[in-house]
C-alpha atoms as a PDB file:
ATOM      1  CA  UNK A   1       7.301 -11.943  -9.853  1.00  0.00           C
ATOM      2  CA  UNK A   2      10.148 -10.793  -7.631  1.00  0.00           C
ATOM      3  CA  UNK A   3       7.773  -8.729  -5.478  1.00  0.00           C
ATOM      4  CA  UNK A   4       5.440 -11.719  -5.044  1.00  0.00           C
ATOM      5  CA  UNK A   5       8.346 -13.939  -3.959  1.00  0.00           C
ATOM      6  CA  UNK A   6       9.539 -11.336  -1.455  1.00  0.00           C
ATOM      7  CA  UNK A   7       6.022 -11.080  -0.043  1.00  0.00           C
ATOM      8  CA  UNK A   8       5.824 -14.874   0.261  1.00  0.00           C
ATOM      9  CA  UNK A   9       9.180 -14.996   2.076  1.00  0.00           C
ATOM     10  CA  UNK A  10       8.120 -12.214   4.430  1.00  0.00           C
ATOM     11  CA  UNK A  11       4.752 -13.818   5.088  1.00  0.00           C
ATOM     12  CA  UNK A  12       6.387 -17.096   6.144  1.00  0.00           C
ATOM     13  CA  UNK A  13       8.987 -15.208   8.185  1.00  0.00           C
ATOM     14  CA  UNK A  14       6.154 -13.331   9.885  1.00  0.00           C
ATOM     15  CA  UNK A  15       4.376 -16.556  10.821  1.00  0.00           C
ATOM     16  CA  UNK A  16       7.573 -18.063  12.260  1.00  0.00           C
ATOM     17  CA  UNK A  17       8.370 -14.822  14.085  1.00  0.00           C
ATOM     18  CA  UNK A  18       4.892 -14.785  15.626  1.00  0.00           C
ATOM     19  CA  UNK A  19       5.392 -18.348  16.871  1.00  0.00           C
ATOM     20  CA  UNK A  20       8.588 -17.228  18.581  1.00  0.00           C
ATOM     21  CA  UNK A  21       6.916 -14.168  20.095  1.00  0.00           C
ATOM     22  CA  UNK A  22       3.961 -16.216  21.376  1.00  0.00           C
ATOM     23  CA  UNK A  23       6.317 -18.826  22.834  1.00  0.00           C
ATOM     24  CA  UNK A  24       5.398 -21.668  20.475  1.00  0.00           C
ATOM     25  CA  UNK A  25       9.121 -21.913  19.732  1.00  0.00           C
ATOM     26  CA  UNK A  26      10.669 -21.316  23.186  1.00  0.00           C
ATOM     27  CA  UNK A  27      13.897 -19.454  23.811  1.00  0.00           C
ATOM     28  CA  UNK A  28      16.978 -21.565  23.044  1.00  0.00           C
ATOM     29  CA  UNK A  29      14.894 -24.234  21.282  1.00  0.00           C
ATOM     30  CA  UNK A  30      15.574 -25.605  17.818  1.00  0.00           C
ATOM     31  CA  UNK A  31      12.950 -24.713  15.231  1.00  0.00           C
ATOM     32  CA  UNK A  32      11.752 -27.342  12.706  1.00  0.00           C
ATOM     33  CA  UNK A  33      14.124 -28.113   9.851  1.00  0.00           C
ATOM     34  CA  UNK A  34      13.882 -26.486   6.424  1.00  0.00           C
ATOM     35  CA  UNK A  35      12.531 -29.769   5.046  1.00  0.00           C
ATOM     36  CA  UNK A  36       9.762 -29.948   7.654  1.00  0.00           C
ATOM     37  CA  UNK A  37       8.836 -26.291   7.186  1.00  0.00           C
ATOM     38  CA  UNK A  38       8.862 -26.543   3.387  1.00  0.00           C
ATOM     39  CA  UNK A  39       6.382 -29.419   3.650  1.00  0.00           C
ATOM     40  CA  UNK A  40       4.217 -27.501   6.122  1.00  0.00           C
ATOM     41  CA  UNK A  41       4.039 -24.342   3.986  1.00  0.00           C
ATOM     42  CA  UNK A  42       4.108 -26.255   0.675  1.00  0.00           C
ATOM     43  CA  UNK A  43       7.007 -24.208  -0.690  1.00  0.00           C
ATOM     44  CA  UNK A  44      10.583 -24.930  -1.740  1.00  0.00           C
ATOM     45  CA  UNK A  45      13.485 -25.170   0.708  1.00  0.00           C
ATOM     46  CA  UNK A  46      15.132 -22.037  -0.793  1.00  0.00           C
ATOM     47  CA  UNK A  47      11.944 -20.113   0.063  1.00  0.00           C
ATOM     48  CA  UNK A  48      12.139 -21.340   3.679  1.00  0.00           C
ATOM     49  CA  UNK A  49      15.843 -20.509   3.736  1.00  0.00           C
ATOM     50  CA  UNK A  50      15.094 -16.943   2.614  1.00  0.00           C
ATOM     51  CA  UNK A  51      12.326 -16.592   5.223  1.00  0.00           C
ATOM     52  CA  UNK A  52      14.675 -17.808   7.964  1.00  0.00           C
ATOM     53  CA  UNK A  53      17.218 -15.294   6.693  1.00  0.00           C
ATOM     54  CA  UNK A  54      14.822 -12.475   7.657  1.00  0.00           C
ATOM     55  CA  UNK A  55      14.624 -13.902  11.191  1.00  0.00           C
ATOM     56  CA  UNK A  56      18.407 -14.178  11.434  1.00  0.00           C
ATOM     57  CA  UNK A  57      18.735 -10.549  10.302  1.00  0.00           C
ATOM     58  CA  UNK A  58      16.125  -9.455  12.858  1.00  0.00           C
ATOM     59  CA  UNK A  59      17.897 -11.277  15.678  1.00  0.00           C
ATOM     60  CA  UNK A  60      15.267 -13.924  16.373  1.00  0.00           C
ATOM     61  CA  UNK A  61      17.215 -16.955  15.193  1.00  0.00           C
ATOM     62  CA  UNK A  62      20.809 -18.134  15.016  1.00  0.00           C
ATOM     63  CA  UNK A  63      21.777 -20.731  12.408  1.00  0.00           C
ATOM     64  CA  UNK A  64      24.458 -23.291  13.229  1.00  0.00           C
ATOM     65  CA  UNK A  65      25.778 -25.150  10.145  1.00  0.00           C
ATOM     66  CA  UNK A  66      24.918 -28.874  10.119  1.00  0.00           C
ATOM     67  CA  UNK A  67      23.086 -28.495  13.454  1.00  0.00           C
ATOM     68  CA  UNK A  68      20.026 -26.301  12.903  1.00  0.00           C
ATOM     69  CA  UNK A  69      18.384 -22.967  13.670  1.00  0.00           C
ATOM     70  CA  UNK A  70      17.849 -21.892  17.285  1.00  0.00           C
ATOM     71  CA  UNK A  71      15.649 -19.236  18.903  1.00  0.00           C
ATOM     72  CA  UNK A  72      17.776 -16.514  20.482  1.00  0.00           C
ATOM     73  CA  UNK A  73      15.073 -13.926  21.295  1.00  0.00           C
ATOM     74  CA  UNK A  74      12.666 -14.518  24.169  1.00  0.00           C
ATOM     75  CA  UNK A  75       8.926 -14.350  23.652  1.00  0.00           C
ATOM     76  CA  UNK A  76       6.963 -11.381  24.934  1.00  0.00           C
ATOM     77  CA  UNK A  77       3.366 -10.300  25.291  1.00  0.00           C
ATOM     78  CA  UNK A  78       1.645  -7.837  22.969  1.00  0.00           C
ATOM     79  CA  UNK A  79       4.496  -7.819  20.463  1.00  0.00           C
ATOM     80  CA  UNK A  80       2.566  -8.509  17.258  1.00  0.00           C
ATOM     81  CA  UNK A  81       0.652  -6.125  14.993  1.00  0.00           C
ATOM     82  CA  UNK A  82      -1.200  -6.783  11.750  1.00  0.00           C
ATOM     83  CA  UNK A  83      -1.349  -5.013   8.391  1.00  0.00           C
ATOM     84  CA  UNK A  84      -4.427  -5.567   6.223  1.00  0.00           C
ATOM     85  CA  UNK A  85      -4.665  -4.353   2.620  1.00  0.00           C
ATOM     86  CA  UNK A  86      -6.930  -5.185  -0.334  1.00  0.00           C
ATOM     87  CA  UNK A  87      -4.204  -6.233  -2.792  1.00  0.00           C
ATOM     88  CA  UNK A  88      -0.746  -7.370  -1.689  1.00  0.00           C
ATOM     89  CA  UNK A  89       0.483  -7.423  -5.303  1.00  0.00           C
ATOM     90  CA  UNK A  90       0.015  -3.638  -5.593  1.00  0.00           C
ATOM     91  CA  UNK A  91       3.501  -2.005  -5.651  1.00  0.00           C
ATOM     92  CA  UNK A  92       2.224   0.640  -3.219  1.00  0.00           C
ATOM     93  CA  UNK A  93       1.523  -2.023  -0.597  1.00  0.00           C
ATOM     94  CA  UNK A  94       4.848  -3.731  -1.324  1.00  0.00           C
ATOM     95  CA  UNK A  95       6.522  -0.405  -0.456  1.00  0.00           C
ATOM     96  CA  UNK A  96       4.360   0.029   2.656  1.00  0.00           C
ATOM     97  CA  UNK A  97       5.092  -3.507   3.875  1.00  0.00           C
ATOM     98  CA  UNK A  98       8.809  -2.937   3.341  1.00  0.00           C
ATOM     99  CA  UNK A  99       8.622   0.174   5.540  1.00  0.00           C
ATOM    100  CA  UNK A 100       6.567  -1.620   8.189  1.00  0.00           C
ATOM    101  CA  UNK A 101       9.027  -4.529   8.216  1.00  0.00           C
ATOM    102  CA  UNK A 102      11.928  -2.180   8.940  1.00  0.00           C
ATOM    103  CA  UNK A 103      10.012  -0.323  11.651  1.00  0.00           C
ATOM    104  CA  UNK A 104       8.669  -3.394  13.456  1.00  0.00           C
ATOM    105  CA  UNK A 105      12.010  -5.192  13.153  1.00  0.00           C
ATOM    106  CA  UNK A 106      13.806  -2.286  14.823  1.00  0.00           C
ATOM    107  CA  UNK A 107      11.311  -2.457  17.690  1.00  0.00           C
ATOM    108  CA  UNK A 108      11.324  -6.253  18.055  1.00  0.00           C
ATOM    109  CA  UNK A 109       7.667  -6.445  17.043  1.00  0.00           C
ATOM    110  CA  UNK A 110       6.048  -9.182  14.961  1.00  0.00           C
ATOM    111  CA  UNK A 111       4.165  -8.237  11.783  1.00  0.00           C
ATOM    112  CA  UNK A 112       1.328 -10.277  10.274  1.00  0.00           C
ATOM    113  CA  UNK A 113       0.206  -9.421   6.739  1.00  0.00           C
ATOM    114  CA  UNK A 114      -3.232 -10.261   5.323  1.00  0.00           C
ATOM    115  CA  UNK A 115      -5.115  -9.514   2.109  1.00  0.00           C
ATOM    116  CA  UNK A 116      -8.630  -8.168   2.640  1.00  0.00           C
ATOM    117  CA  UNK A 117     -10.140  -8.255  -0.841  1.00  0.00           C
ATOM    118  CA  UNK A 118     -12.806  -5.710  -1.754  1.00  0.00           C
ATOM    119  CA  UNK A 119     -15.862  -6.465   0.362  1.00  0.00           C
ATOM    120  CA  UNK A 120     -16.723  -5.635   3.959  1.00  0.00           C
ATOM    121  CA  UNK A 121     -16.961  -9.349   4.724  1.00  0.00           C
ATOM    122  CA  UNK A 122     -13.488 -10.033   3.305  1.00  0.00           C
ATOM    123  CA  UNK A 123     -11.976  -7.142   5.237  1.00  0.00           C
ATOM    124  CA  UNK A 124     -13.536  -8.272   8.517  1.00  0.00           C
ATOM    125  CA  UNK A 125     -12.354 -11.832   7.842  1.00  0.00           C
ATOM    126  CA  UNK A 126      -8.787 -10.585   7.239  1.00  0.00           C
ATOM    127  CA  UNK A 127      -8.813  -8.527  10.437  1.00  0.00           C
ATOM    128  CA  UNK A 128     -10.144 -11.530  12.351  1.00  0.00           C
ATOM    129  CA  UNK A 129      -7.373 -13.729  10.935  1.00  0.00           C
ATOM    130  CA  UNK A 130      -4.558 -11.488  12.116  1.00  0.00           C
ATOM    131  CA  UNK A 131      -6.181 -11.085  15.527  1.00  0.00           C
ATOM    132  CA  UNK A 132      -6.565 -14.845  15.934  1.00  0.00           C
ATOM    133  CA  UNK A 133      -2.884 -15.183  15.036  1.00  0.00           C
ATOM    134  CA  UNK A 134      -1.929 -13.004  17.984  1.00  0.00           C
ATOM    135  CA  UNK A 135      -2.063  -9.402  16.748  1.00  0.00           C
ATOM    136  CA  UNK A 136      -2.694  -6.932  19.566  1.00  0.00           C
ATOM    137  CA  UNK A 137      -3.553  -4.158  17.098  1.00  0.00           C
ATOM    138  CA  UNK A 138      -4.175  -3.782  13.369  1.00  0.00           C
ATOM    139  CA  UNK A 139      -3.231  -1.275  10.666  1.00  0.00           C
ATOM    140  CA  UNK A 140      -5.885  -1.236   7.922  1.00  0.00           C
ATOM    141  CA  UNK A 141      -5.044   0.359   4.586  1.00  0.00           C
ATOM    142  CA  UNK A 142      -8.549   0.822   3.222  1.00  0.00           C
ATOM    143  CA  UNK A 143     -11.699   2.000   4.953  1.00  0.00           C
ATOM    144  CA  UNK A 144     -14.567  -0.445   4.607  1.00  0.00           C
ATOM    145  CA  UNK A 145     -17.201  -0.133   7.319  1.00  0.00           C
ATOM    146  CA  UNK A 146     -16.229  -2.553  10.086  1.00  0.00           C
ATOM    147  CA  UNK A 147     -17.309  -0.650  13.166  1.00  0.00           C
ATOM    148  CA  UNK A 148     -17.928  -3.794  15.199  1.00  0.00           C
ATOM    149  CA  UNK A 149     -14.326  -5.065  15.029  1.00  0.00           C
ATOM    150  CA  UNK A 150     -12.785  -3.008  17.834  1.00  0.00           C
ATOM    151  CA  UNK A 151     -15.806  -3.523  20.094  1.00  0.00           C
ATOM    152  CA  UNK A 152     -15.899  -7.250  19.421  1.00  0.00           C
ATOM    153  CA  UNK A 153     -12.201  -7.958  19.898  1.00  0.00           C
ATOM    154  CA  UNK A 154     -11.203  -5.092  22.216  1.00  0.00           C
ATOM    155  CA  UNK A 155      -8.165  -4.259  20.110  1.00  0.00           C
ATOM    156  CA  UNK A 156      -7.155  -0.952  18.503  1.00  0.00           C
ATOM    157  CA  UNK A 157      -7.245  -0.205  14.783  1.00  0.00           C
ATOM    158  CA  UNK A 158      -5.460   2.531  12.855  1.00  0.00           C
ATOM    159  CA  UNK A 159      -6.456   3.383   9.287  1.00  0.00           C
ATOM    160  CA  UNK A 160      -3.559   4.166   6.951  1.00  0.00           C
ATOM    161  CA  UNK A 161      -5.422   4.938   3.725  1.00  0.00           C
ATOM    162  CA  UNK A 162      -8.627   6.524   2.465  1.00  0.00           C
ATOM    163  CA  UNK A 163     -11.098   6.938   5.312  1.00  0.00           C
ATOM    164  CA  UNK A 164     -14.138   9.097   5.978  1.00  0.00           C
ATOM    165  CA  UNK A 165     -13.825  12.185   8.168  1.00  0.00           C
ATOM    166  CA  UNK A 166     -16.291  10.746  10.694  1.00  0.00           C
ATOM    167  CA  UNK A 167     -14.260   7.569  11.261  1.00  0.00           C
ATOM    168  CA  UNK A 168     -14.407   6.184  14.810  1.00  0.00           C
ATOM    169  CA  UNK A 169     -10.757   5.130  14.650  1.00  0.00           C
ATOM    170  CA  UNK A 170      -7.340   6.746  14.581  1.00  0.00           C
ATOM    171  CA  UNK A 171      -6.103   7.455  11.072  1.00  0.00           C
ATOM    172  CA  UNK A 172      -2.907   8.487   9.336  1.00  0.00           C
ATOM    173  CA  UNK A 173      -3.302   9.408   5.682  1.00  0.00           C
ATOM    174  CA  UNK A 174      -2.301  11.822   2.946  1.00  0.00           C
ATOM    175  CA  UNK A 175      -4.184  14.990   2.037  1.00  0.00           C
ATOM    176  CA  UNK A 176      -5.577  13.590  -1.232  1.00  0.00           C
ATOM    177  CA  UNK A 177      -7.401  16.791  -2.147  1.00  0.00           C
ATOM    178  CA  UNK A 178      -4.305  18.961  -1.893  1.00  0.00           C
ATOM    179  CA  UNK A 179      -2.249  16.401  -3.827  1.00  0.00           C
ATOM    180  CA  UNK A 180      -4.635  16.412  -6.792  1.00  0.00           C
ATOM    181  CA  UNK A 181      -4.785  20.210  -6.710  1.00  0.00           C
ATOM    182  CA  UNK A 182      -0.981  20.400  -6.834  1.00  0.00           C
ATOM    183  CA  UNK A 183      -0.942  18.137  -9.899  1.00  0.00           C
ATOM    184  CA  UNK A 184      -3.577  20.176 -11.729  1.00  0.00           C
ATOM    185  CA  UNK A 185      -1.835  23.472 -10.922  1.00  0.00           C
ATOM    186  CA  UNK A 186       1.419  22.024 -12.251  1.00  0.00           C
ATOM    187  CA  UNK A 187      -0.171  20.764 -15.475  1.00  0.00           C
ATOM    188  CA  UNK A 188      -1.978  24.058 -16.079  1.00  0.00           C
ATOM    189  CA  UNK A 189       1.296  25.942 -15.565  1.00  0.00           C
ATOM    190  CA  UNK A 190       2.645  23.917 -18.495  1.00  0.00           C
ATOM    191  CA  UNK A 191      -0.255  24.998 -20.702  1.00  0.00           C
ATOM    192  CA  UNK A 192      -2.571  21.997 -20.321  1.00  0.00           C
ATOM    193  CA  UNK A 193      -6.208  22.976 -20.834  1.00  0.00           C
ATOM    194  CA  UNK A 194      -7.894  19.667 -21.624  1.00  0.00           C
ATOM    195  CA  UNK A 195      -7.789  16.870 -19.072  1.00  0.00           C
ATOM    196  CA  UNK A 196      -8.868  13.271 -18.591  1.00  0.00           C
ATOM    197  CA  UNK A 197      -8.966  11.187 -15.417  1.00  0.00           C
ATOM    198  CA  UNK A 198      -7.962   7.507 -15.303  1.00  0.00           C
ATOM    199  CA  UNK A 199      -8.645   5.138 -12.409  1.00  0.00           C
ATOM    200  CA  UNK A 200      -7.751   1.442 -12.610  1.00  0.00           C
ATOM    201  CA  UNK A 201      -9.048   0.472  -9.195  1.00  0.00           C
ATOM    202  CA  UNK A 202     -11.945  -1.567  -7.835  1.00  0.00           C
ATOM    203  CA  UNK A 203     -14.854   0.212  -6.190  1.00  0.00           C
ATOM    204  CA  UNK A 204     -17.255   3.015  -7.095  1.00  0.00           C
ATOM    205  CA  UNK A 205     -15.566   6.048  -8.598  1.00  0.00           C
ATOM    206  CA  UNK A 206     -18.133   8.261  -6.844  1.00  0.00           C
ATOM    207  CA  UNK A 207     -16.407   7.310  -3.568  1.00  0.00           C
ATOM    208  CA  UNK A 208     -12.927   8.267  -4.785  1.00  0.00           C
ATOM    209  CA  UNK A 209     -11.598  11.428  -3.093  1.00  0.00           C
ATOM    210  CA  UNK A 210      -9.036  11.878  -5.849  1.00  0.00           C
ATOM    211  CA  UNK A 211     -11.664  11.732  -8.600  1.00  0.00           C
ATOM    212  CA  UNK A 212     -14.064  14.055  -6.779  1.00  0.00           C
ATOM    213  CA  UNK A 213     -11.287  16.594  -6.185  1.00  0.00           C
ATOM    214  CA  UNK A 214     -10.115  16.345  -9.812  1.00  0.00           C
ATOM    215  CA  UNK A 215     -13.552  17.189 -11.153  1.00  0.00           C
ATOM    216  CA  UNK A 216     -14.421  19.887  -8.593  1.00  0.00           C
ATOM    217  CA  UNK A 217     -11.064  21.666  -8.783  1.00  0.00           C
ATOM    218  CA  UNK A 218     -11.062  21.836 -12.583  1.00  0.00           C
ATOM    219  CA  UNK A 219     -14.610  23.194 -12.570  1.00  0.00           C
ATOM    220  CA  UNK A 220     -13.411  25.846 -10.128  1.00  0.00           C
ATOM    221  CA  UNK A 221     -10.809  26.775 -12.781  1.00  0.00           C
ATOM    222  CA  UNK A 222     -13.588  27.067 -15.363  1.00  0.00           C
ATOM    223  CA  UNK A 223     -12.879  23.694 -17.008  1.00  0.00           C
ATOM    224  CA  UNK A 224     -15.854  21.342 -17.104  1.00  0.00           C
ATOM    225  CA  UNK A 225     -15.099  17.631 -17.355  1.00  0.00           C
ATOM    226  CA  UNK A 226     -17.674  15.547 -19.189  1.00  0.00           C
ATOM    227  CA  UNK A 227     -18.236  11.851 -18.524  1.00  0.00           C
ATOM    228  CA  UNK A 228     -16.444  11.113 -21.819  1.00  0.00           C
ATOM    229  CA  UNK A 229     -13.188  12.243 -20.146  1.00  0.00           C
ATOM    230  CA  UNK A 230     -13.547  10.022 -17.072  1.00  0.00           C
ATOM    231  CA  UNK A 231     -12.092   6.544 -17.560  1.00  0.00           C
ATOM    232  CA  UNK A 232     -12.615   3.830 -14.953  1.00  0.00           C
ATOM    233  CA  UNK A 233     -12.054   0.081 -14.799  1.00  0.00           C
ATOM    234  CA  UNK A 234     -12.043  -2.510 -12.014  1.00  0.00           C
ATOM    235  CA  UNK A 235      -8.966  -4.099 -13.632  1.00  0.00           C
ATOM    236  CA  UNK A 236      -6.243  -2.933 -11.284  1.00  0.00           C
ATOM    237  CA  UNK A 237      -2.894  -1.383 -12.027  1.00  0.00           C
ATOM    238  CA  UNK A 238      -0.802  -1.326 -15.174  1.00  0.00           C
ATOM    239  CA  UNK A 239      -3.008  -3.747 -17.091  1.00  0.00           C
ATOM    240  CA  UNK A 240      -6.077  -1.676 -16.256  1.00  0.00           C
ATOM    241  CA  UNK A 241      -4.328   1.555 -17.226  1.00  0.00           C
ATOM    242  CA  UNK A 242      -3.314   0.056 -20.571  1.00  0.00           C
ATOM    243  CA  UNK A 243      -6.924  -0.944 -21.294  1.00  0.00           C
ATOM    244  CA  UNK A 244      -8.120   2.543 -20.371  1.00  0.00           C
ATOM    245  CA  UNK A 245      -5.655   4.124 -22.799  1.00  0.00           C
ATOM    246  CA  UNK A 246      -7.063   2.012 -25.641  1.00  0.00           C
ATOM    247  CA  UNK A 247     -10.482   3.507 -24.868  1.00  0.00           C
ATOM    248  CA  UNK A 248      -9.068   7.028 -24.687  1.00  0.00           C
ATOM    249  CA  UNK A 249      -7.330   6.887 -28.040  1.00  0.00           C
ATOM    250  CA  UNK A 250     -10.674   6.172 -29.733  1.00  0.00           C
ATOM    251  CA  UNK A 251     -12.219   9.392 -28.428  1.00  0.00           C
ATOM    252  CA  UNK A 252      -9.229  11.696 -28.821  1.00  0.00           C
ATOM    253  CA  UNK A 253      -6.510  12.450 -26.326  1.00  0.00           C
ATOM    254  CA  UNK A 254      -6.453  15.476 -23.984  1.00  0.00           C
ATOM    255  CA  UNK A 255      -3.399  17.563 -23.129  1.00  0.00           C
ATOM    256  CA  UNK A 256      -2.946  15.707 -19.847  1.00  0.00           C
ATOM    257  CA  UNK A 257      -4.138  12.579 -18.059  1.00  0.00           C
ATOM    258  CA  UNK A 258      -4.369  12.620 -14.268  1.00  0.00           C
ATOM    259  CA  UNK A 259      -4.188   9.074 -12.916  1.00  0.00           C
ATOM    260  CA  UNK A 260      -5.537   7.707  -9.637  1.00  0.00           C
ATOM    261  CA  UNK A 261      -2.151   6.204  -8.801  1.00  0.00           C
ATOM    262  CA  UNK A 262       1.275   5.423 -10.242  1.00  0.00           C
ATOM    263  CA  UNK A 263       0.297   1.870 -11.132  1.00  0.00           C
ATOM    264  CA  UNK A 264      -2.509   3.146 -13.379  1.00  0.00           C
ATOM    265  CA  UNK A 265      -0.159   5.732 -14.910  1.00  0.00           C
ATOM    266  CA  UNK A 266       2.333   3.012 -15.874  1.00  0.00           C
ATOM    267  CA  UNK A 267      -0.368   1.399 -18.025  1.00  0.00           C
ATOM    268  CA  UNK A 268      -1.326   4.725 -19.601  1.00  0.00           C
ATOM    269  CA  UNK A 269       2.299   5.435 -20.534  1.00  0.00           C
ATOM    270  CA  UNK A 270       2.748   1.894 -21.859  1.00  0.00           C
ATOM    271  CA  UNK A 271      -0.319   2.400 -24.060  1.00  0.00           C
ATOM    272  CA  UNK A 272       0.994   5.735 -25.312  1.00  0.00           C
ATOM    273  CA  UNK A 273       4.365   4.212 -26.208  1.00  0.00           C
ATOM    274  CA  UNK A 274       2.730   1.360 -28.122  1.00  0.00           C
ATOM    275  CA  UNK A 275       0.577   3.847 -30.051  1.00  0.00           C
ATOM    276  CA  UNK A 276       3.641   6.012 -30.777  1.00  0.00           C
ATOM    277  CA  UNK A 277       2.311   8.913 -28.700  1.00  0.00           C
ATOM    278  CA  UNK A 278       5.221  10.835 -27.200  1.00  0.00           C
ATOM    279  CA  UNK A 279       5.150  11.455 -23.444  1.00  0.00           C
ATOM    280  CA  UNK A 280       5.374  14.294 -22.477  1.00  0.00           C
ATOM    281  CA  UNK A 281       5.654  16.108 -25.841  1.00  0.00           C
ATOM    282  CA  UNK A 282       2.191  15.012 -27.066  1.00  0.00           C
ATOM    283  CA  UNK A 283       0.643  13.853 -23.808  1.00  0.00           C
ATOM    284  CA  UNK A 284       1.431  14.632 -20.180  1.00  0.00           C
ATOM    285  CA  UNK A 285       0.749  11.928 -17.578  1.00  0.00           C
ATOM    286  CA  UNK A 286       0.759  12.146 -13.789  1.00  0.00           C
ATOM    287  CA  UNK A 287       0.468   9.522 -11.070  1.00  0.00           C
ATOM    288  CA  UNK A 288      -0.036   9.519  -7.307  1.00  0.00           C
ATOM    289  CA  UNK A 289       1.840   7.712  -4.462  1.00  0.00           C
ATOM    290  CA  UNK A 290       5.500   7.954  -5.597  1.00  0.00           C
ATOM    291  CA  UNK A 291       6.102   4.220  -5.398  1.00  0.00           C
ATOM    292  CA  UNK A 292       9.699   3.067  -5.787  1.00  0.00           C
ATOM    293  CA  UNK A 293       9.289   2.151  -9.479  1.00  0.00           C
ATOM    294  CA  UNK A 294       7.956   5.594 -10.447  1.00  0.00           C
ATOM    295  CA  UNK A 295      11.441   7.097 -10.780  1.00  0.00           C
ATOM    296  CA  UNK A 296      12.734   4.133 -12.829  1.00  0.00           C
ATOM    297  CA  UNK A 297       9.854   3.614 -15.266  1.00  0.00           C
ATOM    298  CA  UNK A 298      10.351   3.920 -19.050  1.00  0.00           C
ATOM    299  CA  UNK A 299       9.283   7.537 -18.706  1.00  0.00           C
ATOM    300  CA  UNK A 300      10.009   8.632 -15.111  1.00  0.00           C
ATOM    301  CA  UNK A 301       6.693   9.639 -13.592  1.00  0.00           C
ATOM    302  CA  UNK A 302       5.518  12.942 -12.166  1.00  0.00           C
ATOM    303  CA  UNK A 303       3.589  12.041  -9.042  1.00  0.00           C
ATOM    304  CA  UNK A 304       2.589  12.935  -5.491  1.00  0.00           C
ATOM    305  CA  UNK A 305       4.827  11.643  -2.737  1.00  0.00           C
ATOM    306  CA  UNK A 306       2.538   9.652  -0.412  1.00  0.00           C
ATOM    307  CA  UNK A 307       5.338   9.614   2.187  1.00  0.00           C
ATOM    308  CA  UNK A 308       4.735   5.943   2.980  1.00  0.00           C
ATOM    309  CA  UNK A 309       7.663   5.790   5.402  1.00  0.00           C
ATOM    310  CA  UNK A 310       6.319   8.680   7.494  1.00  0.00           C
ATOM    311  CA  UNK A 311       2.770   7.323   7.416  1.00  0.00           C
ATOM    312  CA  UNK A 312       3.948   3.843   8.437  1.00  0.00           C
ATOM    313  CA  UNK A 313       6.103   5.215  11.265  1.00  0.00           C
ATOM    314  CA  UNK A 314       3.338   7.474  12.602  1.00  0.00           C
ATOM    315  CA  UNK A 315       0.664   4.774  12.360  1.00  0.00           C
ATOM    316  CA  UNK A 316       2.824   2.231  14.204  1.00  0.00           C
ATOM    317  CA  UNK A 317       3.570   4.733  16.994  1.00  0.00           C
ATOM    318  CA  UNK A 318      -0.135   5.516  17.443  1.00  0.00           C
ATOM    319  CA  UNK A 319      -1.071   1.830  17.363  1.00  0.00           C
ATOM    320  CA  UNK A 320       1.585   0.861  19.918  1.00  0.00           C
ATOM    321  CA  UNK A 321       0.396   3.684  22.155  1.00  0.00           C
ATOM    322  CA  UNK A 322      -3.165   2.348  22.022  1.00  0.00           C
ATOM    323  CA  UNK A 323      -1.945  -1.205  22.675  1.00  0.00           C
ATOM    324  CA  UNK A 324      -0.150   0.048  25.786  1.00  0.00           C
ATOM    325  CA  UNK A 325      -3.355   1.645  27.026  1.00  0.00           C
ATOM    326  CA  UNK A 326      -3.200   5.213  25.698  1.00  0.00           C
ATOM    327  CA  UNK A 327      -6.645   6.802  25.819  1.00  0.00           C
ATOM    328  CA  UNK A 328      -7.914  10.141  24.648  1.00  0.00           C
ATOM    329  CA  UNK A 329      -9.470  11.610  21.522  1.00  0.00           C
ATOM    330  CA  UNK A 330      -9.376   9.909  18.150  1.00  0.00           C
ATOM    331  CA  UNK A 331      -6.182  10.917  16.355  1.00  0.00           C
ATOM    332  CA  UNK A 332      -6.346  12.108  12.753  1.00  0.00           C
ATOM    333  CA  UNK A 333      -2.923  12.769  11.246  1.00  0.00           C
ATOM    334  CA  UNK A 334      -3.138  14.226   7.739  1.00  0.00           C
ATOM    335  CA  UNK A 335       0.238  14.226   5.999  1.00  0.00           C
ATOM    336  CA  UNK A 336       0.978  17.037   3.555  1.00  0.00           C
ATOM    337  CA  UNK A 337       1.601  15.841  -0.027  1.00  0.00           C
ATOM    338  CA  UNK A 338       4.697  16.696  -2.047  1.00  0.00           C
ATOM    339  CA  UNK A 339       4.689  17.163  -5.822  1.00  0.00           C
ATOM    340  CA  UNK A 340       7.528  15.242  -7.489  1.00  0.00           C
ATOM    341  CA  UNK A 341       8.145  16.489 -11.045  1.00  0.00           C
ATOM    342  CA  UNK A 342       9.744  14.059 -13.500  1.00  0.00           C
ATOM    343  CA  UNK A 343       9.935  13.470 -17.248  1.00  0.00           C
ATOM    344  CA  UNK A 344       6.279  12.484 -17.819  1.00  0.00           C
ATOM    345  CA  UNK A 345       5.155  16.134 -17.552  1.00  0.00           C
ATOM    346  CA  UNK A 346       8.229  18.222 -18.234  1.00  0.00           C
ATOM    347  CA  UNK A 347       7.724  21.158 -20.608  1.00  0.00           C
ATOM    348  CA  UNK A 348       7.857  19.879 -24.166  1.00  0.00           C
END
């Protein structure tokens, strides 16, 4: 609930910031009152107050008690970028947005956030929305074929998540294959010999790099993984992971469960706790992404550090370069993963 409220505050702050940058609220002008804005956005006055607080912190607005809030930063061209992701409630994207907010704020750049859903049409619609709201370039967190966007709107895109090797756009992402291999090597070093894979994420599992690497790498180690050890649901996150664990317990648990991401792993661990299965003594569980909550969960989670801060910083730099006219070859920055070992897999 707290994450959703923060996202709402930031979204409103982003809209107001973009109005300042575009000149809708001119320099030295008074912006609409909290009452007027709360009616416009159909939210409470405290929500508007929190959103304005972001703008005060970023140096766009100055608040004078009993008088109002005034614009203190002049508008400028090409000072807005967009971030499009399929699910803004996902803790991974909350972390990424937090990093992007800090980066864009330090550069005096506006940030528009949009949810893209799961279809090509929804993703294109989300990209179109941020462009129509003034974005000069867009960061897209998931690769769904939208090859006509850059041609149609003449603006640059940078992918920041899973994307095919033949992508026509710049990309900054993690080496998913190496990350999964590091996890498996770690689990095997602890004596694990039977494995299951859990993915609580929408989309076809056959398109998941992490799943494909999991299966291929274990087979390379002489461990074949049958379909009965692959667990997939379109129900995202912790709830999906919990449902997957209930299916697993019916067929017998392996030594270790490799999860698509931390959010899925939280549900697996929650299921284990409720069924009185000890993690890691009876079952080892790993995640992927190293979201903020992973070190504070009931059983701190072994995971792969996605290095969201580095990816966000690099992607923004590439995007700003393209906005300013930088040409040249398509850039593909593949960030090296880092294994983070915590309690969920320690030697029992």
